[in-house]
Amino acid sequence: IYYTLADADNDKCTVSIAVSNNDGSTWTITPSPSSLSGYIGSNIY
């Protein structure tokens, strides 16, 4: 997953993802921390 994060104040951000299995009608799937790596979680510039 690639993305661009912008913040006018250059603040550190908390980044998260959610997953839908019905074209975005609901977002009930939250990936577990152990399944994620990269620029995810807190202190993301």
All heavy atoms as atom14 arrays in JSON, in Angstrom:
{
  "sequence": "IYYTLADADNDKCTVSIAVSNNDGSTWTITPSPSSLSGYIGSNIY",
  "atom14_mask": [
    [1, 1, 1, 1, 1, 1, 1, 1, 0, 0, 0, 0, 0, 0],
    [1, 1, 1, 1, 1, 1, 1, 1, 1, 1, 1, 1, 0, 0],
    [1, 1, 1, 1, 1, 1, 1, 1, 1, 1, 1, 1, 0, 0],
    [1, 1, 1, 1, 1, 1, 1, 0, 0, 0, 0, 0, 0, 0],
    [1, 1, 1, 1, 1, 1, 1, 1, 0, 0, 0, 0, 0, 0],
    [1, 1, 1, 1, 1, 0, 0, 0, 0, 0, 0, 0, 0, 0],
    [1, 1, 1, 1, 1, 1, 1, 1, 0, 0, 0, 0, 0, 0],
    [1, 1, 1, 1, 1, 0, 0, 0, 0, 0, 0, 0, 0, 0],
    [1, 1, 1, 1, 1, 1, 1, 1, 0, 0, 0, 0, 0, 0],
    [1, 1, 1, 1, 1, 1, 1, 1, 0, 0, 0, 0, 0, 0],
    [1, 1, 1, 1, 1, 1, 1, 1, 0, 0, 0, 0, 0, 0],
    [1, 1, 1, 1, 1, 1, 1, 1, 1, 0, 0, 0, 0, 0],
    [1, 1, 1, 1, 1, 1, 0, 0, 0, 0, 0, 0, 0, 0],
    [1, 1, 1, 1, 1, 1, 1, 0, 0, 0, 0, 0, 0, 0],
    [1, 1, 1, 1, 1, 1, 1, 0, 0, 0, 0, 0, 0, 0],
    [1, 1, 1, 1, 1, 1, 0, 0, 0, 0, 0, 0, 0, 0],
    [1, 1, 1, 1, 1, 1, 1, 1, 0, 0, 0, 0, 0, 0],
    [1, 1, 1, 1, 1, 0, 0, 0, 0, 0, 0, 0, 0, 0],
    [1, 1, 1, 1, 1, 1, 1, 0, 0, 0, 0, 0, 0, 0],
    [1, 1, 1, 1, 1, 1, 0, 0, 0, 0, 0, 0, 0, 0],
    [1, 1, 1, 1, 1, 1, 1, 1, 0, 0, 0, 0, 0, 0],
    [1, 1, 1, 1, 1, 1, 1, 1, 0, 0, 0, 0, 0, 0],
    [1, 1, 1, 1, 1, 1, 1, 1, 0, 0, 0, 0, 0, 0],
    [1, 1, 1, 1, 0, 0, 0, 0, 0, 0, 0, 0, 0, 0],
    [1, 1, 1, 1, 1, 1, 0, 0, 0, 0, 0, 0, 0, 0],
    [1, 1, 1, 1, 1, 1, 1, 0, 0, 0, 0, 0, 0, 0],
    [1, 1, 1, 1, 1, 1, 1, 1, 1, 1, 1, 1, 1, 1],
    [1, 1, 1, 1, 1, 1, 1, 0, 0, 0, 0, 0, 0, 0],
    [1, 1, 1, 1, 1, 1, 1, 1, 0, 0, 0, 0, 0, 0],
    [1, 1, 1, 1, 1, 1, 1, 0, 0, 0, 0, 0, 0, 0],
    [1, 1, 1, 1, 1, 1, 1, 0, 0, 0, 0, 0, 0, 0],
    [1, 1, 1, 1, 1, 1, 0, 0, 0, 0, 0, 0, 0, 0],
    [1, 1, 1, 1, 1, 1, 1, 0, 0, 0, 0, 0, 0, 0],
    [1, 1, 1, 1, 1, 1, 0, 0, 0, 0, 0, 0, 0, 0],
    [1, 1, 1, 1, 1, 1, 0, 0, 0, 0, 0, 0, 0, 0],
    [1, 1, 1, 1, 1, 1, 1, 1, 0, 0, 0, 0, 0, 0],
    [1, 1, 1, 1, 1, 1, 0, 0, 0, 0, 0, 0, 0, 0],
    [1, 1, 1, 1, 0, 0, 0, 0, 0, 0, 0, 0, 0, 0],
    [1, 1, 1, 1, 1, 1, 1, 1, 1, 1, 1, 1, 0, 0],
    [1, 1, 1, 1, 1, 1, 1, 1, 0, 0, 0, 0, 0, 0],
    [1, 1, 1, 1, 0, 0, 0, 0, 0, 0, 0, 0, 0, 0],
    [1, 1, 1, 1, 1, 1, 0, 0, 0, 0, 0, 0, 0, 0],
    [1, 1, 1, 1, 1, 1, 1, 1, 0, 0, 0, 0, 0, 0],
    [1, 1, 1, 1, 1, 1, 1, 1, 0, 0, 0, 0, 0, 0],
    [1, 1, 1, 1, 1, 1, 1, 1, 1, 1, 1, 1, 0, 0]
  ],
  "atom14_positions": [
    [[0.86, -1.19, 0.0], [0.0, 0.0, 0.0], [0.89, 1.23, 0.0], [1.76, 1.39, 0.87], [-0.92, 0.01, 1.24], [-1.75, -1.28, 1.3], [-1.83, 1.23, 1.24], [-2.42, -1.5, 2.65], [0.0, 0.0, 0.0], [0.0, 0.0, 0.0], [0.0, 0.0, 0.0], [0.0, 0.0, 0.0], [0.0, 0.0, 0.0], [0.0, 0.0, 0.0]],
    [[0.69, 2.1, -0.97], [1.46, 3.34, -1.07], [0.52, 4.53, -0.9], [-0.64, 4.5, -1.35], [2.18, 3.42, -2.41], [3.25, 2.36, -2.58], [2.93, 1.1, -3.08], [4.56, 2.63, -2.23], [3.9, 0.12, -3.21], [5.55, 1.66, -2.37], [5.21, 0.41, -2.86], [6.18, -0.55, -2.99], [0.0, 0.0, 0.0], [0.0, 0.0, 0.0]],
    [[1.03, 5.59, -0.28], [0.2, 6.78, -0.09], [1.09, 8.0, 0.12], [2.29, 7.88, 0.42], [-0.74, 6.61, 1.11], [-0.05, 6.53, 2.46], [0.08, 7.65, 3.27], [0.48, 5.32, 2.93], [0.71, 7.58, 4.5], [1.11, 5.24, 4.16], [1.23, 6.38, 4.95], [1.87, 6.31, 6.17], [0.0, 0.0, 0.0], [0.0, 0.0, 0.0]],
    [[0.49, 9.18, -0.04], [1.17, 10.44, 0.23], [0.49, 11.1, 1.42], [-0.73, 11.27, 1.43], [1.11, 11.4, -0.97], [1.77, 10.79, -2.09], [1.79, 12.73, -0.64], [0.0, 0.0, 0.0], [0.0, 0.0, 0.0], [0.0, 0.0, 0.0], [0.0, 0.0, 0.0], [0.0, 0.0, 0.0], [0.0, 0.0, 0.0], [0.0, 0.0, 0.0]],
    [[1.28, 11.44, 2.42], [0.77, 12.11, 3.62], [1.24, 13.55, 3.61], [2.44, 13.82, 3.48], [1.28, 11.39, 4.87], [0.94, 12.04, 6.22], [-0.56, 12.07, 6.44], [1.63, 11.28, 7.36], [0.0, 0.0, 0.0], [0.0, 0.0, 0.0], [0.0, 0.0, 0.0], [0.0, 0.0, 0.0], [0.0, 0.0, 0.0], [0.0, 0.0, 0.0]],
    [[0.31, 14.49, 3.74], [0.64, 15.91, 3.78], [0.06, 16.53, 5.04], [-1.02, 16.14, 5.5], [0.08, 16.62, 2.55], [0.0, 0.0, 0.0], [0.0, 0.0, 0.0], [0.0, 0.0, 0.0], [0.0, 0.0, 0.0], [0.0, 0.0, 0.0], [0.0, 0.0, 0.0], [0.0, 0.0, 0.0], [0.0, 0.0, 0.0], [0.0, 0.0, 0.0]],
    [[0.79, 17.48, 5.6], [0.3, 18.22, 6.76], [0.94, 19.6, 6.72], [2.18, 19.71, 6.69], [0.64, 17.51, 8.07], [0.0, 18.19, 9.26], [0.6, 19.14, 9.8], [-1.1, 17.77, 9.65], [0.0, 0.0, 0.0], [0.0, 0.0, 0.0], [0.0, 0.0, 0.0], [0.0, 0.0, 0.0], [0.0, 0.0, 0.0], [0.0, 0.0, 0.0]],
    [[0.12, 20.65, 6.7], [0.63, 22.01, 6.55], [1.56, 22.42, 7.68], [2.4, 23.29, 7.52], [-0.54, 23.0, 6.45], [0.0, 0.0, 0.0], [0.0, 0.0, 0.0], [0.0, 0.0, 0.0], [0.0, 0.0, 0.0], [0.0, 0.0, 0.0], [0.0, 0.0, 0.0], [0.0, 0.0, 0.0], [0.0, 0.0, 0.0], [0.0, 0.0, 0.0]],
    [[1.39, 21.81, 8.85], [2.22, 22.13, 10.0], [3.41, 21.18, 10.16], [4.17, 21.3, 11.12], [1.37, 22.07, 11.28], [0.06, 22.82, 11.12], [0.12, 24.01, 10.83], [-1.0, 22.19, 11.26], [0.0, 0.0, 0.0], [0.0, 0.0, 0.0], [0.0, 0.0, 0.0], [0.0, 0.0, 0.0], [0.0, 0.0, 0.0], [0.0, 0.0, 0.0]],
    [[3.53, 20.19, 9.23], [4.57, 19.18, 9.29], [4.52, 18.39, 10.6], [5.54, 17.97, 11.14], [5.97, 19.8, 9.1], [6.99, 18.79, 8.63], [6.68, 17.94, 7.79], [8.21, 18.88, 9.14], [0.0, 0.0, 0.0], [0.0, 0.0, 0.0], [0.0, 0.0, 0.0], [0.0, 0.0, 0.0], [0.0, 0.0, 0.0], [0.0, 0.0, 0.0]],
    [[3.3, 18.19, 11.1], [3.14, 17.42, 12.33], [3.37, 15.93, 12.08], [3.08, 15.41, 11.01], [1.72, 17.59, 12.88], [1.43, 19.0, 13.37], [2.4, 19.68, 13.77], [0.26, 19.4, 13.36], [0.0, 0.0, 0.0], [0.0, 0.0, 0.0], [0.0, 0.0, 0.0], [0.0, 0.0, 0.0], [0.0, 0.0, 0.0], [0.0, 0.0, 0.0]],
    [[3.86, 15.24, 13.11], [3.84, 13.79, 13.09], [2.39, 13.32, 13.19], [1.59, 13.92, 13.91], [4.65, 13.22, 14.26], [6.15, 13.41, 14.15], [6.84, 12.78, 15.34], [8.35, 12.9, 15.26], [9.01, 12.28, 16.42], [0.0, 0.0, 0.0], [0.0, 0.0, 0.0], [0.0, 0.0, 0.0], [0.0, 0.0, 0.0], [0.0, 0.0, 0.0]],
    [[2.06, 12.26, 12.48], [0.68, 11.78, 12.43], [0.59, 10.33, 12.86], [1.57, 9.59, 12.83], [0.12, 11.92, 11.02], [0.06, 13.62, 10.4], [0.0, 0.0, 0.0], [0.0, 0.0, 0.0], [0.0, 0.0, 0.0], [0.0, 0.0, 0.0], [0.0, 0.0, 0.0], [0.0, 0.0, 0.0], [0.0, 0.0, 0.0], [0.0, 0.0, 0.0]],
    [[-0.61, 9.94, 13.26], [-0.93, 8.54, 13.48], [-1.67, 8.03, 12.26], [-2.72, 8.57, 11.9], [-1.79, 8.36, 14.74], [-1.05, 8.82, 15.88], [-2.17, 6.9, 14.94], [0.0, 0.0, 0.0], [0.0, 0.0, 0.0], [0.0, 0.0, 0.0], [0.0, 0.0, 0.0], [0.0, 0.0, 0.0], [0.0, 0.0, 0.0], [0.0, 0.0, 0.0]],
    [[-1.13, 7.01, 11.61], [-1.69, 6.48, 10.37], [-2.28, 5.1, 10.65], [-1.68, 4.28, 11.34], [-0.62, 6.39, 9.26], [-1.17, 5.72, 8.01], [-0.1, 7.79, 8.93], [0.0, 0.0, 0.0], [0.0, 0.0, 0.0], [0.0, 0.0, 0.0], [0.0, 0.0, 0.0], [0.0, 0.0, 0.0], [0.0, 0.0, 0.0], [0.0, 0.0, 0.0]],
    [[-3.46, 4.86, 10.1], [-4.11, 3.57, 10.27], [-4.79, 3.17, 8.97], [-4.99, 4.01, 8.08], [-5.13, 3.62, 11.4], [-6.13, 4.58, 11.14], [0.0, 0.0, 0.0], [0.0, 0.0, 0.0], [0.0, 0.0, 0.0], [0.0, 0.0, 0.0], [0.0, 0.0, 0.0], [0.0, 0.0, 0.0], [0.0, 0.0, 0.0], [0.0, 0.0, 0.0]],
    [[-5.11, 1.88, 8.86], [-5.87, 1.43, 7.69], [-7.06, 0.6, 8.16], [-7.06, 0.04, 9.26], [-5.01, 0.61, 6.69], [-4.59, -0.72, 7.3], [-3.82, 1.4, 6.22], [-3.95, -1.65, 6.27], [0.0, 0.0, 0.0], [0.0, 0.0, 0.0], [0.0, 0.0, 0.0], [0.0, 0.0, 0.0], [0.0, 0.0, 0.0], [0.0, 0.0, 0.0]],
    [[-8.07, 0.59, 7.32], [-9.24, -0.26, 7.54], [-9.59, -0.91, 6.21], [-9.26, -0.39, 5.14], [-10.41, 0.56, 8.07], [0.0, 0.0, 0.0], [0.0, 0.0, 0.0], [0.0, 0.0, 0.0], [0.0, 0.0, 0.0], [0.0, 0.0, 0.0], [0.0, 0.0, 0.0], [0.0, 0.0, 0.0], [0.0, 0.0, 0.0], [0.0, 0.0, 0.0]],
    [[-10.25, -2.04, 6.29], [-10.56, -2.81, 5.09], [-12.06, -3.09, 5.05], [-12.68, -3.39, 6.09], [-9.77, -4.13, 5.05], [-10.13, -4.95, 3.82], [-8.26, -3.85, 5.1], [0.0, 0.0, 0.0], [0.0, 0.0, 0.0], [0.0, 0.0, 0.0], [0.0, 0.0, 0.0], [0.0, 0.0, 0.0], [0.0, 0.0, 0.0], [0.0, 0.0, 0.0]],
    [[-12.63, -2.98, 3.86], [-14.03, -3.32, 3.63], [-14.11, -4.53, 2.7], [-13.3, -4.67, 1.79], [-14.76, -2.14, 2.99], [-16.04, -2.5, 2.52], [0.0, 0.0, 0.0], [0.0, 0.0, 0.0], [0.0, 0.0, 0.0], [0.0, 0.0, 0.0], [0.0, 0.0, 0.0], [0.0, 0.0, 0.0], [0.0, 0.0, 0.0], [0.0, 0.0, 0.0]],
    [[-15.09, -5.4, 2.92], [-15.31, -6.53, 2.01], [-16.63, -6.39, 1.24], [-17.13, -7.34, 0.68], [-15.29, -7.85, 2.77], [-16.4, -7.93, 3.82], [-17.18, -7.0, 3.99], [-16.44, -9.05, 4.52], [0.0, 0.0, 0.0], [0.0, 0.0, 0.0], [0.0, 0.0, 0.0], [0.0, 0.0, 0.0], [0.0, 0.0, 0.0], [0.0, 0.0, 0.0]],
    [[-17.18, -5.14, 1.23], [-18.45, -4.92, 0.53], [-18.46, -3.58, -0.21], [-19.41, -2.81, -0.1], [-19.63, -5.01, 1.5], [-19.47, -4.08, 2.7], [-18.61, -3.2, 2.72], [-20.32, -4.27, 3.71], [0.0, 0.0, 0.0], [0.0, 0.0, 0.0], [0.0, 0.0, 0.0], [0.0, 0.0, 0.0], [0.0, 0.0, 0.0], [0.0, 0.0, 0.0]],
    [[-17.39, -3.32, -0.94], [-17.27, -2.1, -1.77], [-17.33, -0.82, -0.94], [-17.73, 0.23, -1.45], [-18.35, -2.06, -2.85], [-18.06, -2.99, -4.01], [-16.88, -3.08, -4.39], [-18.99, -3.63, -4.52], [0.0, 0.0, 0.0], [0.0, 0.0, 0.0], [0.0, 0.0, 0.0], [0.0, 0.0, 0.0], [0.0, 0.0, 0.0], [0.0, 0.0, 0.0]],
    [[-16.94, -0.85, 0.32], [-16.88, 0.35, 1.13], [-18.15, 0.69, 1.87], [-18.23, 1.75, 2.51], [0.0, 0.0, 0.0], [0.0, 0.0, 0.0], [0.0, 0.0, 0.0], [0.0, 0.0, 0.0], [0.0, 0.0, 0.0], [0.0, 0.0, 0.0], [0.0, 0.0, 0.0], [0.0, 0.0, 0.0], [0.0, 0.0, 0.0], [0.0, 0.0, 0.0]],
    [[-19.15, -0.18, 1.84], [-20.37, 0.09, 2.6], [-20.1, 0.1, 4.1], [-20.64, 0.92, 4.84], [-21.44, -0.95, 2.27], [-21.85, -0.85, 0.92], [0.0, 0.0, 0.0], [0.0, 0.0, 0.0], [0.0, 0.0, 0.0], [0.0, 0.0, 0.0], [0.0, 0.0, 0.0], [0.0, 0.0, 0.0], [0.0, 0.0, 0.0], [0.0, 0.0, 0.0]],
    [[-19.28, -0.82, 4.55], [-18.84, -0.84, 5.95], [-17.35, -1.15, 5.98], [-16.8, -1.74, 5.05], [-19.6, -1.9, 6.76], [-19.39, -3.2, 6.18], [-21.09, -1.6, 6.8], [0.0, 0.0, 0.0], [0.0, 0.0, 0.0], [0.0, 0.0, 0.0], [0.0, 0.0, 0.0], [0.0, 0.0, 0.0], [0.0, 0.0, 0.0], [0.0, 0.0, 0.0]],
    [[-16.72, -0.73, 7.08], [-15.27, -0.94, 7.24], [-15.05, -1.72, 8.53], [-14.64, -1.17, 9.55], [-14.55, 0.4, 7.25], [-14.76, 1.17, 5.99], [-15.75, 2.05, 5.73], [-13.96, 1.09, 4.81], [-15.63, 2.54, 4.45], [-14.53, 1.97, 3.86], [-12.81, 0.36, 4.46], [-14.01, 2.13, 2.59], [-12.29, 0.55, 3.19], [-12.87, 1.41, 2.28]],
    [[-15.31, -2.99, 8.5], [-15.32, -3.81, 9.71], [-14.04, -4.6, 9.92], [-13.89, -5.26, 10.95], [-16.51, -4.79, 9.66], [-16.42, -5.6, 8.49], [-17.83, -4.02, 9.64], [0.0, 0.0, 0.0], [0.0, 0.0, 0.0], [0.0, 0.0, 0.0], [0.0, 0.0, 0.0], [0.0, 0.0, 0.0], [0.0, 0.0, 0.0], [0.0, 0.0, 0.0]],
    [[-13.13, -4.56, 8.96], [-11.9, -5.35, 9.06], [-10.75, -4.42, 9.44], [-10.4, -3.5, 8.69], [-11.58, -6.06, 7.74], [-12.75, -6.96, 7.33], [-10.29, -6.86, 7.86], [-12.66, -7.46, 5.9], [0.0, 0.0, 0.0], [0.0, 0.0, 0.0], [0.0, 0.0, 0.0], [0.0, 0.0, 0.0], [0.0, 0.0, 0.0], [0.0, 0.0, 0.0]],
    [[-10.19, -4.64, 10.62], [-9.04, -3.87, 11.08], [-7.83, -4.77, 11.13], [-7.75, -5.68, 11.98], [-9.3, -3.27, 12.48], [-10.46, -2.45, 12.44], [-8.11, -2.43, 12.93], [0.0, 0.0, 0.0], [0.0, 0.0, 0.0], [0.0, 0.0, 0.0], [0.0, 0.0, 0.0], [0.0, 0.0, 0.0], [0.0, 0.0, 0.0], [0.0, 0.0, 0.0]],
    [[-6.88, -4.59, 10.23], [-5.69, -5.46, 10.22], [-4.97, -5.44, 11.57], [-4.86, -4.4, 12.21], [-4.82, -4.86, 9.12], [-5.81, -4.22, 8.18], [-6.86, -3.65, 9.09], [0.0, 0.0, 0.0], [0.0, 0.0, 0.0], [0.0, 0.0, 0.0], [0.0, 0.0, 0.0], [0.0, 0.0, 0.0], [0.0, 0.0, 0.0], [0.0, 0.0, 0.0]],
    [[-4.5, -6.59, 12.0], [-3.8, -6.7, 13.28], [-2.42, -6.07, 13.18], [-1.79, -6.08, 12.11], [-3.68, -8.16, 13.69], [-2.98, -8.9, 12.69], [0.0, 0.0, 0.0], [0.0, 0.0, 0.0], [0.0, 0.0, 0.0], [0.0, 0.0, 0.0], [0.0, 0.0, 0.0], [0.0, 0.0, 0.0], [0.0, 0.0, 0.0], [0.0, 0.0, 0.0]],
    [[-1.92, -5.51, 14.27], [-0.58, -4.9, 14.24], [0.5, -5.84, 13.76], [1.45, -5.42, 13.08], [-0.36, -4.47, 15.71], [-1.75, -4.27, 16.25], [-2.58, -5.32, 15.57], [0.0, 0.0, 0.0], [0.0, 0.0, 0.0], [0.0, 0.0, 0.0], [0.0, 0.0, 0.0], [0.0, 0.0, 0.0], [0.0, 0.0, 0.0], [0.0, 0.0, 0.0]],
    [[0.38, -7.14, 14.09], [1.42, -8.1, 13.7], [1.45, -8.34, 12.19], [2.46, -8.83, 11.67], [1.19, -9.42, 14.42], [-0.05, -10.0, 14.04], [0.0, 0.0, 0.0], [0.0, 0.0, 0.0], [0.0, 0.0, 0.0], [0.0, 0.0, 0.0], [0.0, 0.0, 0.0], [0.0, 0.0, 0.0], [0.0, 0.0, 0.0], [0.0, 0.0, 0.0]],
    [[0.37, -7.97, 11.48], [0.33, -8.2, 10.04], [0.81, -6.99, 9.25], [0.89, -7.05, 8.02], [-1.11, -8.53, 9.61], [-1.95, -7.4, 9.72], [0.0, 0.0, 0.0], [0.0, 0.0, 0.0], [0.0, 0.0, 0.0], [0.0, 0.0, 0.0], [0.0, 0.0, 0.0], [0.0, 0.0, 0.0], [0.0, 0.0, 0.0], [0.0, 0.0, 0.0]],
    [[1.17, -5.9, 9.94], [1.5, -4.64, 9.29], [2.94, -4.24, 9.56], [3.48, -4.47, 10.64], [0.58, -3.52, 9.78], [-0.91, -3.69, 9.49], [-1.72, -2.68, 10.29], [-1.18, -3.52, 8.0], [0.0, 0.0, 0.0], [0.0, 0.0, 0.0], [0.0, 0.0, 0.0], [0.0, 0.0, 0.0], [0.0, 0.0, 0.0], [0.0, 0.0, 0.0]],
    [[3.54, -3.61, 8.57], [4.86, -3.01, 8.74], [4.95, -1.8, 7.82], [4.07, -1.55, 7.0], [5.97, -4.02, 8.41], [5.87, -4.46, 7.06], [0.0, 0.0, 0.0], [0.0, 0.0, 0.0], [0.0, 0.0, 0.0], [0.0, 0.0, 0.0], [0.0, 0.0, 0.0], [0.0, 0.0, 0.0], [0.0, 0.0, 0.0], [0.0, 0.0, 0.0]],
    [[6.01, -1.03, 7.98], [6.17, 0.18, 7.17], [5.69, 1.41, 7.92], [5.76, 1.47, 9.15], [0.0, 0.0, 0.0], [0.0, 0.0, 0.0], [0.0, 0.0, 0.0], [0.0, 0.0, 0.0], [0.0, 0.0, 0.0], [0.0, 0.0, 0.0], [0.0, 0.0, 0.0], [0.0, 0.0, 0.0], [0.0, 0.0, 0.0], [0.0, 0.0, 0.0]],
    [[5.17, 2.37, 7.19], [4.78, 3.66, 7.76], [3.34, 3.59, 8.23], [2.41, 4.11, 7.62], [4.98, 4.78, 6.74], [6.44, 5.05, 6.45], [7.11, 4.36, 5.45], [7.15, 5.99, 7.2], [8.46, 4.61, 5.18], [8.49, 6.25, 6.94], [9.14, 5.54, 5.94], [10.47, 5.79, 5.68], [0.0, 0.0, 0.0], [0.0, 0.0, 0.0]],
    [[3.17, 2.94, 9.38], [1.86, 2.7, 9.97], [2.01, 2.92, 11.48], [3.08, 2.69, 12.04], [1.35, 1.27, 9.67], [-0.08, 1.05, 10.19], [2.31, 0.24, 10.23], [-1.13, 1.65, 9.33], [0.0, 0.0, 0.0], [0.0, 0.0, 0.0], [0.0, 0.0, 0.0], [0.0, 0.0, 0.0], [0.0, 0.0, 0.0], [0.0, 0.0, 0.0]],
    [[0.96, 3.42, 12.13], [1.04, 3.68, 13.56], [1.36, 5.14, 13.84], [1.07, 6.03, 13.03], [0.0, 0.0, 0.0], [0.0, 0.0, 0.0], [0.0, 0.0, 0.0], [0.0, 0.0, 0.0], [0.0, 0.0, 0.0], [0.0, 0.0, 0.0], [0.0, 0.0, 0.0], [0.0, 0.0, 0.0], [0.0, 0.0, 0.0], [0.0, 0.0, 0.0]],
    [[1.98, 5.41, 14.97], [2.23, 6.78, 15.4], [3.56, 7.31, 14.9], [4.41, 6.57, 14.39], [2.18, 6.86, 16.93], [3.15, 5.99, 17.5], [0.0, 0.0, 0.0], [0.0, 0.0, 0.0], [0.0, 0.0, 0.0], [0.0, 0.0, 0.0], [0.0, 0.0, 0.0], [0.0, 0.0, 0.0], [0.0, 0.0, 0.0], [0.0, 0.0, 0.0]],
    [[3.74, 8.63, 15.04], [4.99, 9.33, 14.72], [5.4, 9.19, 13.26], [6.58, 8.99, 12.94], [6.11, 8.83, 15.63], [5.85, 9.13, 17.09], [5.38, 10.22, 17.43], [6.14, 8.17, 17.96], [0.0, 0.0, 0.0], [0.0, 0.0, 0.0], [0.0, 0.0, 0.0], [0.0, 0.0, 0.0], [0.0, 0.0, 0.0], [0.0, 0.0, 0.0]],
    [[4.42, 9.31, 12.35], [4.71, 9.24, 10.92], [4.78, 10.66, 10.37], [3.81, 11.41, 10.44], [3.63, 8.44, 10.17], [3.43, 7.06, 10.82], [3.99, 8.31, 8.69], [4.66, 6.19, 10.84], [0.0, 0.0, 0.0], [0.0, 0.0, 0.0], [0.0, 0.0, 0.0], [0.0, 0.0, 0.0], [0.0, 0.0, 0.0], [0.0, 0.0, 0.0]],
    [[5.92, 11.03, 9.83], [6.08, 12.35, 9.23], [5.46, 12.38, 7.83], [5.38, 11.35, 7.15], [7.56, 12.74, 9.13], [8.1, 13.43, 10.35], [9.11, 12.85, 11.1], [7.6, 14.67, 10.75], [9.63, 13.49, 12.23], [8.11, 15.31, 11.87], [9.11, 14.73, 12.6], [9.61, 15.36, 13.71], [0.0, 0.0, 0.0], [0.0, 0.0, 0.0]]
  ]
}
